[in-house]
Amino acid sequence: MNMENEQSQSEQPALLLVDDDEVYCEVLGEALAKRGYAVAVAHNLEDALLLARTSEPEYAVVDLRIGSGSGLELVKQLSALDENTRIVMLTGYASVATAVESIKLGAVHYLTKPATADEVVAALHRDEGDTSVAPAESPLSVRRLEWEHLQKVLTEHNGNISAAARALNMHRRTLQRKLAKKPVKE
C-alpha cells in the first residue's frame, strides 16, 4: 500500500484504489492523481480495509477479483464504513450477476477493464442512469448464457466455488476451469 501526493492531501479528495494487478494499479493511480485525487493503493482486501479506516476515502475504485477474494465483499464493507463513499467496481470478468450485486451492495457504477482514468472519474461522479443505452440487437449466445448462469450461482454462494459446484451438480475443478476463462464476447 502507498499514498501519492502532489498537493496537500487535505486539498484533494481521498480515493482508494484496490486491485491485485500492481502495474494496472500504478498506471491508473498516477492518472487519477494527475486528475486531483489523493490516491491510496491496496493490492489485497486486508490492506484495503486498513486504508479505508485510516484515510476515510470519499471515492473507491475496486476490482471484482482481488487475489482469491471478492471485491463485492469489499464494496459491502466500504459502504458499511461510510455510506457516502462513491464506489466504482472494475472488472475484466463482467457479468450481469456481479454488476447487479455490486450496485445493490453500494457501488455507484460498474466498468469493464481496461477502463481509462477519464472513464473512472466520469463513473465516480455519475448520479443517474442513461436512458439512451440501446437494448441488445440479439439474445445472448448459449455460451454467454452459461457464463452468466455460472456467475449468478457463484454470487448466490458468496464466491464459494465448492458450494456453487454442488449447486450446479458439477465437479469443482470443472467449474474452476470454466470460471478461469474470459467471458464469451456477445
N, C-alpha and C. Protein backbone atom coordinates (compact mmCIF):
# COMPACT_ATOMS: atom_id res chain seq x y z
N MET A 1 0.84 -1.18 0.00
CA MET A 1 0.00 0.00 0.00
C MET A 1 0.89 1.24 0.00
N ASN A 2 0.40 2.31 -0.63
CA ASN A 2 1.16 3.55 -0.66
C ASN A 2 0.21 4.72 -0.84
N MET A 3 0.73 5.93 -0.64
CA MET A 3 -0.08 7.14 -0.77
C MET A 3 0.70 8.10 -1.66
N GLU A 4 0.03 8.64 -2.71
CA GLU A 4 0.69 9.58 -3.61
C GLU A 4 0.14 10.97 -3.32
N ASN A 5 1.04 11.97 -3.28
CA ASN A 5 0.61 13.34 -3.00
C ASN A 5 1.29 14.30 -3.97
N GLU A 6 0.49 15.12 -4.69
CA GLU A 6 1.04 16.21 -5.49
C GLU A 6 0.74 17.53 -4.80
N GLN A 7 -0.47 17.67 -4.24
CA GLN A 7 -0.84 18.84 -3.47
C GLN A 7 -0.98 18.35 -2.04
N SER A 8 -1.32 19.23 -1.13
CA SER A 8 -1.55 18.75 0.22
C SER A 8 -2.78 17.86 0.21
N GLN A 9 -2.71 16.80 1.00
CA GLN A 9 -3.75 15.79 0.99
C GLN A 9 -5.11 16.38 1.37
N SER A 10 -5.13 17.38 2.22
CA SER A 10 -6.40 17.96 2.65
C SER A 10 -7.12 18.68 1.51
N GLU A 11 -6.39 19.09 0.47
CA GLU A 11 -7.00 19.78 -0.66
C GLU A 11 -7.56 18.80 -1.68
N GLN A 12 -7.11 17.57 -1.65
CA GLN A 12 -7.52 16.58 -2.63
C GLN A 12 -8.51 15.59 -2.03
N PRO A 13 -9.53 15.21 -2.82
CA PRO A 13 -10.43 14.18 -2.31
C PRO A 13 -9.69 12.84 -2.25
N ALA A 14 -9.91 12.10 -1.15
CA ALA A 14 -9.24 10.80 -0.97
C ALA A 14 -9.92 9.74 -1.82
N LEU A 15 -9.11 8.97 -2.53
CA LEU A 15 -9.59 7.89 -3.38
C LEU A 15 -8.82 6.62 -3.06
N LEU A 16 -9.53 5.55 -2.78
CA LEU A 16 -8.94 4.25 -2.51
C LEU A 16 -9.01 3.42 -3.78
N LEU A 17 -7.86 2.95 -4.27
CA LEU A 17 -7.78 2.12 -5.47
C LEU A 17 -7.33 0.73 -5.05
N VAL A 18 -8.16 -0.28 -5.33
CA VAL A 18 -7.88 -1.64 -4.88
C VAL A 18 -7.89 -2.58 -6.08
N ASP A 19 -6.72 -3.16 -6.36
CA ASP A 19 -6.59 -4.11 -7.47
C ASP A 19 -5.32 -4.91 -7.22
N ASP A 20 -5.35 -6.21 -7.48
CA ASP A 20 -4.15 -7.02 -7.28
C ASP A 20 -3.19 -6.95 -8.47
N ASP A 21 -3.60 -6.32 -9.55
CA ASP A 21 -2.72 -6.10 -10.70
C ASP A 21 -1.91 -4.84 -10.42
N GLU A 22 -0.68 -5.02 -9.95
CA GLU A 22 0.12 -3.88 -9.49
C GLU A 22 0.46 -2.90 -10.60
N VAL A 23 0.71 -3.39 -11.81
CA VAL A 23 1.05 -2.49 -12.92
C VAL A 23 -0.16 -1.63 -13.29
N TYR A 24 -1.31 -2.27 -13.44
CA TYR A 24 -2.53 -1.53 -13.78
C TYR A 24 -2.83 -0.50 -12.68
N CYS A 25 -2.66 -0.91 -11.43
CA CYS A 25 -2.89 -0.02 -10.29
C CYS A 25 -1.96 1.20 -10.35
N GLU A 26 -0.71 0.95 -10.64
CA GLU A 26 0.26 2.05 -10.68
C GLU A 26 -0.11 3.05 -11.77
N VAL A 27 -0.43 2.54 -12.96
CA VAL A 27 -0.77 3.42 -14.08
C VAL A 27 -2.06 4.19 -13.80
N LEU A 28 -3.10 3.48 -13.36
CA LEU A 28 -4.38 4.14 -13.07
C LEU A 28 -4.23 5.10 -11.89
N GLY A 29 -3.49 4.69 -10.87
CA GLY A 29 -3.28 5.55 -9.70
C GLY A 29 -2.60 6.86 -10.06
N GLU A 30 -1.56 6.79 -10.89
CA GLU A 30 -0.87 8.00 -11.34
C GLU A 30 -1.80 8.90 -12.14
N ALA A 31 -2.60 8.29 -13.02
CA ALA A 31 -3.53 9.07 -13.84
C ALA A 31 -4.59 9.74 -12.98
N LEU A 32 -5.08 9.05 -11.96
CA LEU A 32 -6.08 9.64 -11.07
C LEU A 32 -5.46 10.73 -10.20
N ALA A 33 -4.21 10.56 -9.78
CA ALA A 33 -3.52 11.59 -9.00
C ALA A 33 -3.36 12.86 -9.84
N LYS A 34 -3.08 12.70 -11.13
CA LYS A 34 -2.96 13.87 -12.01
C LYS A 34 -4.29 14.59 -12.19
N ARG A 35 -5.36 13.89 -11.92
CA ARG A 35 -6.69 14.49 -12.02
C ARG A 35 -7.17 15.05 -10.69
N GLY A 36 -6.27 15.11 -9.70
CA GLY A 36 -6.57 15.81 -8.46
C GLY A 36 -7.01 14.97 -7.29
N TYR A 37 -6.80 13.67 -7.33
CA TYR A 37 -7.18 12.80 -6.21
C TYR A 37 -5.96 12.42 -5.39
N ALA A 38 -6.15 12.29 -4.09
CA ALA A 38 -5.12 11.73 -3.20
C ALA A 38 -5.37 10.23 -3.21
N VAL A 39 -4.53 9.49 -3.94
CA VAL A 39 -4.78 8.07 -4.20
C VAL A 39 -4.04 7.19 -3.20
N ALA A 40 -4.80 6.36 -2.51
CA ALA A 40 -4.24 5.32 -1.65
C ALA A 40 -4.45 4.00 -2.39
N VAL A 41 -3.40 3.20 -2.49
CA VAL A 41 -3.46 1.96 -3.27
C VAL A 41 -3.30 0.76 -2.36
N ALA A 42 -4.15 -0.25 -2.59
CA ALA A 42 -4.04 -1.53 -1.89
C ALA A 42 -4.14 -2.65 -2.91
N HIS A 43 -3.40 -3.73 -2.66
CA HIS A 43 -3.40 -4.87 -3.57
C HIS A 43 -4.07 -6.09 -2.98
N ASN A 44 -4.65 -5.96 -1.78
CA ASN A 44 -5.38 -7.06 -1.17
C ASN A 44 -6.48 -6.48 -0.28
N LEU A 45 -7.40 -7.36 0.13
CA LEU A 45 -8.56 -6.91 0.90
C LEU A 45 -8.19 -6.37 2.27
N GLU A 46 -7.23 -7.00 2.94
CA GLU A 46 -6.85 -6.57 4.29
C GLU A 46 -6.28 -5.16 4.27
N ASP A 47 -5.33 -4.90 3.36
CA ASP A 47 -4.74 -3.56 3.25
C ASP A 47 -5.80 -2.53 2.86
N ALA A 48 -6.73 -2.94 1.99
CA ALA A 48 -7.78 -2.02 1.56
C ALA A 48 -8.64 -1.57 2.74
N LEU A 49 -9.01 -2.51 3.60
CA LEU A 49 -9.83 -2.15 4.76
C LEU A 49 -9.05 -1.29 5.74
N LEU A 50 -7.78 -1.59 5.94
CA LEU A 50 -6.94 -0.78 6.81
C LEU A 50 -6.86 0.65 6.28
N LEU A 51 -6.60 0.81 4.99
CA LEU A 51 -6.54 2.14 4.39
C LEU A 51 -7.89 2.85 4.47
N ALA A 52 -8.97 2.12 4.26
CA ALA A 52 -10.30 2.73 4.31
C ALA A 52 -10.59 3.28 5.70
N ARG A 53 -10.16 2.56 6.71
CA ARG A 53 -10.40 3.02 8.09
C ARG A 53 -9.55 4.23 8.44
N THR A 54 -8.33 4.31 7.89
CA THR A 54 -7.44 5.41 8.24
C THR A 54 -7.60 6.63 7.34
N SER A 55 -7.86 6.42 6.06
CA SER A 55 -7.94 7.56 5.14
C SER A 55 -9.36 8.04 4.88
N GLU A 56 -10.36 7.24 5.28
CA GLU A 56 -11.77 7.59 5.08
C GLU A 56 -12.00 8.17 3.67
N PRO A 57 -11.85 7.34 2.64
CA PRO A 57 -11.93 7.85 1.27
C PRO A 57 -13.33 8.32 0.89
N GLU A 58 -13.35 9.36 0.08
CA GLU A 58 -14.61 9.84 -0.48
C GLU A 58 -14.99 8.99 -1.68
N TYR A 59 -13.95 8.40 -2.32
CA TYR A 59 -14.14 7.60 -3.53
C TYR A 59 -13.36 6.30 -3.39
N ALA A 60 -13.85 5.27 -4.07
CA ALA A 60 -13.13 4.00 -4.12
C ALA A 60 -13.33 3.37 -5.49
N VAL A 61 -12.27 2.77 -6.00
CA VAL A 61 -12.30 2.01 -7.24
C VAL A 61 -11.81 0.62 -6.88
N VAL A 62 -12.69 -0.37 -7.04
CA VAL A 62 -12.43 -1.71 -6.53
C VAL A 62 -12.53 -2.73 -7.65
N ASP A 63 -11.50 -3.58 -7.77
CA ASP A 63 -11.54 -4.67 -8.74
C ASP A 63 -12.45 -5.77 -8.21
N LEU A 64 -13.14 -6.46 -9.09
CA LEU A 64 -14.03 -7.54 -8.68
C LEU A 64 -13.27 -8.72 -8.10
N ARG A 65 -12.16 -9.09 -8.72
CA ARG A 65 -11.35 -10.21 -8.24
C ARG A 65 -10.05 -9.66 -7.68
N ILE A 66 -9.87 -9.85 -6.38
CA ILE A 66 -8.65 -9.38 -5.71
C ILE A 66 -7.99 -10.62 -5.13
N GLY A 67 -7.00 -11.15 -5.85
CA GLY A 67 -6.41 -12.42 -5.46
C GLY A 67 -7.48 -13.48 -5.48
N SER A 68 -7.63 -14.20 -4.39
CA SER A 68 -8.70 -15.20 -4.31
C SER A 68 -9.96 -14.61 -3.67
N GLY A 69 -9.91 -13.33 -3.31
CA GLY A 69 -11.04 -12.67 -2.66
C GLY A 69 -11.96 -11.99 -3.64
N SER A 70 -13.07 -11.49 -3.11
CA SER A 70 -14.08 -10.83 -3.93
C SER A 70 -14.18 -9.35 -3.60
N GLY A 71 -14.13 -8.53 -4.63
CA GLY A 71 -14.34 -7.11 -4.46
C GLY A 71 -15.75 -6.79 -3.99
N LEU A 72 -16.70 -7.70 -4.23
CA LEU A 72 -18.07 -7.48 -3.76
C LEU A 72 -18.11 -7.37 -2.24
N GLU A 73 -17.35 -8.22 -1.57
CA GLU A 73 -17.29 -8.17 -0.10
C GLU A 73 -16.70 -6.83 0.35
N LEU A 74 -15.68 -6.36 -0.38
CA LEU A 74 -15.07 -5.08 -0.02
C LEU A 74 -16.05 -3.93 -0.24
N VAL A 75 -16.81 -3.97 -1.33
CA VAL A 75 -17.82 -2.93 -1.57
C VAL A 75 -18.80 -2.88 -0.40
N LYS A 76 -19.23 -4.04 0.04
CA LYS A 76 -20.16 -4.12 1.18
C LYS A 76 -19.54 -3.50 2.43
N GLN A 77 -18.27 -3.82 2.70
CA GLN A 77 -17.61 -3.31 3.90
C GLN A 77 -17.33 -1.81 3.80
N LEU A 78 -16.94 -1.34 2.62
CA LEU A 78 -16.71 0.09 2.45
C LEU A 78 -18.00 0.88 2.63
N SER A 79 -19.10 0.35 2.11
CA SER A 79 -20.40 1.01 2.27
C SER A 79 -20.81 1.04 3.74
N ALA A 80 -20.50 -0.03 4.46
CA ALA A 80 -20.83 -0.08 5.89
C ALA A 80 -20.00 0.93 6.68
N LEU A 81 -18.74 1.13 6.28
CA LEU A 81 -17.89 2.11 6.97
C LEU A 81 -18.38 3.53 6.74
N ASP A 82 -18.79 3.83 5.49
CA ASP A 82 -19.27 5.16 5.15
C ASP A 82 -20.17 5.05 3.93
N GLU A 83 -21.46 5.20 4.15
CA GLU A 83 -22.42 5.04 3.05
C GLU A 83 -22.28 6.12 1.98
N ASN A 84 -21.53 7.18 2.26
CA ASN A 84 -21.34 8.25 1.29
C ASN A 84 -20.14 8.04 0.38
N THR A 85 -19.35 7.00 0.63
CA THR A 85 -18.22 6.71 -0.25
C THR A 85 -18.76 6.30 -1.61
N ARG A 86 -18.30 6.96 -2.65
CA ARG A 86 -18.75 6.64 -4.02
C ARG A 86 -17.81 5.59 -4.58
N ILE A 87 -18.35 4.42 -4.87
CA ILE A 87 -17.56 3.26 -5.26
C ILE A 87 -17.86 2.87 -6.69
N VAL A 88 -16.79 2.62 -7.45
CA VAL A 88 -16.91 2.08 -8.80
C VAL A 88 -16.26 0.70 -8.79
N MET A 89 -16.98 -0.29 -9.31
CA MET A 89 -16.46 -1.65 -9.44
C MET A 89 -15.83 -1.79 -10.82
N LEU A 90 -14.60 -2.29 -10.85
CA LEU A 90 -13.89 -2.57 -12.11
C LEU A 90 -13.75 -4.08 -12.27
N THR A 91 -13.86 -4.56 -13.49
CA THR A 91 -13.65 -5.99 -13.68
C THR A 91 -13.27 -6.34 -15.12
N GLY A 92 -12.48 -7.37 -15.23
CA GLY A 92 -12.19 -7.98 -16.52
C GLY A 92 -13.11 -9.17 -16.74
N TYR A 93 -13.94 -9.48 -15.76
CA TYR A 93 -14.84 -10.63 -15.79
C TYR A 93 -16.28 -10.17 -15.59
N ALA A 94 -16.74 -9.31 -16.45
CA ALA A 94 -18.07 -8.72 -16.29
C ALA A 94 -19.18 -9.76 -16.46
N SER A 95 -20.17 -9.65 -15.60
CA SER A 95 -21.37 -10.45 -15.75
C SER A 95 -22.54 -9.65 -15.21
N VAL A 96 -23.73 -10.01 -15.65
CA VAL A 96 -24.92 -9.33 -15.18
C VAL A 96 -25.05 -9.51 -13.67
N ALA A 97 -24.81 -10.73 -13.18
CA ALA A 97 -24.97 -11.02 -11.75
C ALA A 97 -24.06 -10.14 -10.89
N THR A 98 -22.78 -10.03 -11.27
CA THR A 98 -21.86 -9.24 -10.46
C THR A 98 -22.15 -7.74 -10.58
N ALA A 99 -22.61 -7.31 -11.74
CA ALA A 99 -22.97 -5.90 -11.90
C ALA A 99 -24.14 -5.55 -10.99
N VAL A 100 -25.16 -6.38 -10.99
CA VAL A 100 -26.33 -6.13 -10.15
C VAL A 100 -25.95 -6.16 -8.68
N GLU A 101 -25.18 -7.16 -8.27
CA GLU A 101 -24.80 -7.27 -6.86
C GLU A 101 -23.93 -6.10 -6.41
N SER A 102 -23.00 -5.65 -7.27
CA SER A 102 -22.15 -4.53 -6.85
C SER A 102 -22.97 -3.27 -6.62
N ILE A 103 -23.99 -3.05 -7.44
CA ILE A 103 -24.85 -1.88 -7.26
C ILE A 103 -25.70 -2.04 -6.00
N LYS A 104 -26.24 -3.23 -5.78
CA LYS A 104 -27.04 -3.48 -4.57
C LYS A 104 -26.21 -3.28 -3.31
N LEU A 105 -24.92 -3.62 -3.37
CA LEU A 105 -24.05 -3.52 -2.20
C LEU A 105 -23.51 -2.12 -1.95
N GLY A 106 -23.72 -1.21 -2.91
CA GLY A 106 -23.31 0.16 -2.66
C GLY A 106 -22.47 0.83 -3.73
N ALA A 107 -22.06 0.12 -4.78
CA ALA A 107 -21.30 0.76 -5.86
C ALA A 107 -22.23 1.69 -6.64
N VAL A 108 -21.66 2.78 -7.17
CA VAL A 108 -22.46 3.70 -7.98
C VAL A 108 -22.34 3.38 -9.46
N HIS A 109 -21.32 2.59 -9.81
CA HIS A 109 -21.14 2.24 -11.22
C HIS A 109 -20.28 0.99 -11.34
N TYR A 110 -20.30 0.39 -12.52
CA TYR A 110 -19.61 -0.86 -12.81
C TYR A 110 -18.96 -0.71 -14.17
N LEU A 111 -17.64 -0.83 -14.24
CA LEU A 111 -16.92 -0.67 -15.51
C LEU A 111 -16.10 -1.92 -15.82
N THR A 112 -15.98 -2.21 -17.11
CA THR A 112 -15.12 -3.32 -17.51
C THR A 112 -13.74 -2.79 -17.84
N LYS A 113 -12.75 -3.62 -17.56
CA LYS A 113 -11.36 -3.28 -17.87
C LYS A 113 -11.10 -3.55 -19.34
N PRO A 114 -10.19 -2.85 -19.92
CA PRO A 114 -9.42 -1.76 -19.32
C PRO A 114 -10.22 -0.47 -19.36
N ALA A 115 -10.37 0.16 -18.23
CA ALA A 115 -11.07 1.44 -18.14
C ALA A 115 -10.03 2.55 -18.02
N THR A 116 -10.26 3.65 -18.69
CA THR A 116 -9.34 4.77 -18.61
C THR A 116 -9.64 5.59 -17.36
N ALA A 117 -8.70 6.42 -16.97
CA ALA A 117 -8.90 7.29 -15.81
C ALA A 117 -10.09 8.21 -16.03
N ASP A 118 -10.27 8.70 -17.25
CA ASP A 118 -11.40 9.59 -17.53
C ASP A 118 -12.73 8.84 -17.38
N GLU A 119 -12.78 7.58 -17.79
CA GLU A 119 -14.00 6.78 -17.62
C GLU A 119 -14.28 6.55 -16.13
N VAL A 120 -13.23 6.29 -15.37
CA VAL A 120 -13.39 6.06 -13.93
C VAL A 120 -13.90 7.33 -13.26
N VAL A 121 -13.30 8.48 -13.56
CA VAL A 121 -13.73 9.75 -12.96
C VAL A 121 -15.19 10.04 -13.34
N ALA A 122 -15.55 9.83 -14.60
CA ALA A 122 -16.93 10.06 -15.02
C ALA A 122 -17.89 9.14 -14.26
N ALA A 123 -17.50 7.89 -14.08
CA ALA A 123 -18.35 6.93 -13.35
C ALA A 123 -18.49 7.33 -11.88
N LEU A 124 -17.42 7.80 -11.27
CA LEU A 124 -17.46 8.21 -9.86
C LEU A 124 -18.45 9.35 -9.63
N HIS A 125 -18.62 10.19 -10.64
CA HIS A 125 -19.45 11.39 -10.48
C HIS A 125 -20.81 11.27 -11.17
N ARG A 126 -21.09 10.12 -11.72
CA ARG A 126 -22.36 9.92 -12.43
C ARG A 126 -23.45 9.58 -11.43
N ASP A 127 -24.54 10.34 -11.46
CA ASP A 127 -25.62 10.14 -10.49
C ASP A 127 -26.86 9.47 -11.08
N GLU A 128 -27.00 9.49 -12.38
CA GLU A 128 -28.21 8.96 -12.99
C GLU A 128 -27.88 7.93 -14.05
N GLY A 129 -28.86 7.09 -14.33
CA GLY A 129 -28.72 6.11 -15.40
C GLY A 129 -28.81 6.78 -16.76
N ASP A 130 -28.52 6.04 -17.79
CA ASP A 130 -28.51 6.56 -19.16
C ASP A 130 -29.63 5.90 -19.96
N THR A 131 -30.69 6.65 -20.24
CA THR A 131 -31.84 6.10 -20.96
C THR A 131 -31.55 5.88 -22.44
N SER A 132 -30.42 6.40 -22.93
CA SER A 132 -30.10 6.25 -24.35
C SER A 132 -29.39 4.93 -24.66
N VAL A 133 -29.08 4.13 -23.61
CA VAL A 133 -28.44 2.84 -23.85
C VAL A 133 -29.44 1.95 -24.59
N ALA A 134 -29.03 1.47 -25.75
CA ALA A 134 -29.92 0.67 -26.60
C ALA A 134 -29.93 -0.79 -26.14
N PRO A 135 -31.10 -1.42 -26.18
CA PRO A 135 -31.16 -2.86 -25.88
C PRO A 135 -30.35 -3.64 -26.91
N ALA A 136 -29.89 -4.82 -26.53
CA ALA A 136 -29.12 -5.65 -27.46
C ALA A 136 -29.96 -6.01 -28.67
N GLU A 137 -29.29 -6.12 -29.81
CA GLU A 137 -29.98 -6.46 -31.06
C GLU A 137 -30.39 -7.93 -31.12
N SER A 138 -29.64 -8.78 -30.41
CA SER A 138 -29.95 -10.21 -30.44
C SER A 138 -29.77 -10.79 -29.05
N PRO A 139 -30.41 -11.93 -28.78
CA PRO A 139 -30.26 -12.53 -27.45
C PRO A 139 -28.83 -13.03 -27.24
N LEU A 140 -28.48 -13.29 -25.98
CA LEU A 140 -27.16 -13.80 -25.66
C LEU A 140 -26.96 -15.19 -26.26
N SER A 141 -25.71 -15.50 -26.60
CA SER A 141 -25.40 -16.83 -27.11
C SER A 141 -25.53 -17.85 -25.98
N VAL A 142 -25.63 -19.12 -26.33
CA VAL A 142 -25.73 -20.17 -25.32
C VAL A 142 -24.50 -20.17 -24.43
N ARG A 143 -23.31 -19.97 -25.01
CA ARG A 143 -22.08 -19.93 -24.21
C ARG A 143 -22.09 -18.76 -23.25
N ARG A 144 -22.57 -17.61 -23.69
CA ARG A 144 -22.63 -16.45 -22.81
C ARG A 144 -23.68 -16.66 -21.71
N LEU A 145 -24.81 -17.27 -22.06
CA LEU A 145 -25.83 -17.57 -21.05
C LEU A 145 -25.27 -18.51 -19.99
N GLU A 146 -24.47 -19.51 -20.41
CA GLU A 146 -23.85 -20.41 -19.45
C GLU A 146 -22.94 -19.62 -18.52
N TRP A 147 -22.11 -18.73 -19.08
CA TRP A 147 -21.20 -17.90 -18.28
C TRP A 147 -21.99 -17.09 -17.25
N GLU A 148 -23.07 -16.45 -17.71
CA GLU A 148 -23.90 -15.63 -16.82
C GLU A 148 -24.51 -16.48 -15.71
N HIS A 149 -24.98 -17.68 -16.06
CA HIS A 149 -25.58 -18.56 -15.06
C HIS A 149 -24.55 -18.99 -14.02
N LEU A 150 -23.35 -19.35 -14.47
CA LEU A 150 -22.29 -19.73 -13.53
C LEU A 150 -21.96 -18.58 -12.58
N GLN A 151 -21.89 -17.37 -13.11
CA GLN A 151 -21.61 -16.20 -12.28
C GLN A 151 -22.73 -15.96 -11.27
N LYS A 152 -23.97 -16.13 -11.71
CA LYS A 152 -25.12 -15.94 -10.81
C LYS A 152 -25.08 -16.95 -9.66
N VAL A 153 -24.85 -18.22 -9.98
CA VAL A 153 -24.80 -19.24 -8.94
C VAL A 153 -23.62 -19.01 -8.01
N LEU A 154 -22.48 -18.63 -8.55
CA LEU A 154 -21.31 -18.34 -7.73
C LEU A 154 -21.60 -17.18 -6.78
N THR A 155 -22.24 -16.15 -7.28
CA THR A 155 -22.60 -15.00 -6.45
C THR A 155 -23.59 -15.40 -5.35
N GLU A 156 -24.56 -16.26 -5.70
CA GLU A 156 -25.54 -16.73 -4.71
C GLU A 156 -24.87 -17.51 -3.58
N HIS A 157 -23.68 -18.08 -3.86
CA HIS A 157 -22.96 -18.86 -2.86
C HIS A 157 -21.75 -18.09 -2.32
N ASN A 158 -21.84 -16.75 -2.40
CA ASN A 158 -20.82 -15.85 -1.83
C ASN A 158 -19.42 -16.16 -2.32
N GLY A 159 -19.28 -16.54 -3.59
CA GLY A 159 -17.97 -16.80 -4.16
C GLY A 159 -17.38 -18.14 -3.79
N ASN A 160 -18.12 -18.98 -3.08
CA ASN A 160 -17.62 -20.29 -2.66
C ASN A 160 -17.75 -21.25 -3.83
N ILE A 161 -16.63 -21.59 -4.46
CA ILE A 161 -16.64 -22.43 -5.65
C ILE A 161 -17.16 -23.83 -5.34
N SER A 162 -16.77 -24.40 -4.22
CA SER A 162 -17.23 -25.74 -3.86
C SER A 162 -18.75 -25.78 -3.71
N ALA A 163 -19.31 -24.81 -3.01
CA ALA A 163 -20.76 -24.76 -2.81
C ALA A 163 -21.48 -24.53 -4.14
N ALA A 164 -20.94 -23.65 -4.97
CA ALA A 164 -21.55 -23.38 -6.28
C ALA A 164 -21.50 -24.63 -7.15
N ALA A 165 -20.38 -25.35 -7.12
CA ALA A 165 -20.25 -26.57 -7.91
C ALA A 165 -21.29 -27.61 -7.46
N ARG A 166 -21.47 -27.74 -6.15
CA ARG A 166 -22.50 -28.67 -5.65
C ARG A 166 -23.89 -28.26 -6.13
N ALA A 167 -24.18 -26.96 -6.09
CA ALA A 167 -25.49 -26.47 -6.52
C ALA A 167 -25.70 -26.71 -8.02
N LEU A 168 -24.63 -26.65 -8.77
CA LEU A 168 -24.70 -26.87 -10.22
C LEU A 168 -24.60 -28.34 -10.60
N ASN A 169 -24.38 -29.19 -9.59
CA ASN A 169 -24.18 -30.62 -9.83
C ASN A 169 -23.00 -30.82 -10.80
N MET A 170 -21.91 -30.14 -10.48
CA MET A 170 -20.72 -30.10 -11.34
C MET A 170 -19.50 -30.34 -10.46
N HIS A 171 -18.49 -30.95 -11.03
CA HIS A 171 -17.24 -31.13 -10.29
C HIS A 171 -16.60 -29.76 -10.07
N ARG A 172 -16.00 -29.57 -8.90
CA ARG A 172 -15.39 -28.28 -8.54
C ARG A 172 -14.34 -27.86 -9.56
N ARG A 173 -13.48 -28.81 -9.99
CA ARG A 173 -12.43 -28.45 -10.95
C ARG A 173 -13.01 -28.04 -12.30
N THR A 174 -14.11 -28.65 -12.69
CA THR A 174 -14.76 -28.26 -13.94
C THR A 174 -15.26 -26.83 -13.84
N LEU A 175 -15.89 -26.51 -12.72
CA LEU A 175 -16.37 -25.14 -12.52
C LEU A 175 -15.20 -24.16 -12.49
N GLN A 176 -14.12 -24.50 -11.79
CA GLN A 176 -12.96 -23.62 -11.75
C GLN A 176 -12.41 -23.38 -13.15
N ARG A 177 -12.34 -24.42 -13.96
CA ARG A 177 -11.84 -24.29 -15.34
C ARG A 177 -12.74 -23.35 -16.14
N LYS A 178 -14.05 -23.52 -16.01
CA LYS A 178 -14.99 -22.66 -16.75
C LYS A 178 -14.89 -21.20 -16.28
N LEU A 179 -14.70 -21.02 -14.98
CA LEU A 179 -14.62 -19.65 -14.44
C LEU A 179 -13.31 -18.98 -14.78
N ALA A 180 -12.25 -19.77 -15.01
CA ALA A 180 -10.94 -19.18 -15.32
C ALA A 180 -10.91 -18.58 -16.72
N LYS A 181 -11.82 -19.01 -17.57
CA LYS A 181 -11.88 -18.49 -18.92
C LYS A 181 -12.48 -17.08 -18.91
N LYS A 182 -12.05 -16.29 -19.86
CA LYS A 182 -12.64 -14.95 -20.02
C LYS A 182 -14.08 -15.12 -20.46
N PRO A 183 -14.95 -14.17 -20.13
CA PRO A 183 -16.35 -14.26 -20.58
C PRO A 183 -16.42 -14.27 -22.10
N VAL A 184 -17.39 -14.97 -22.60
CA VAL A 184 -17.61 -15.05 -24.03
C VAL A 184 -18.10 -13.70 -24.52
N LYS A 185 -17.53 -13.22 -25.62
CA LYS A 185 -18.00 -11.95 -26.19
C LYS A 185 -19.40 -12.15 -26.74
N GLU A 186 -20.19 -11.11 -26.63
CA GLU A 186 -21.58 -11.21 -27.10
C GLU A 186 -21.65 -10.99 -28.58
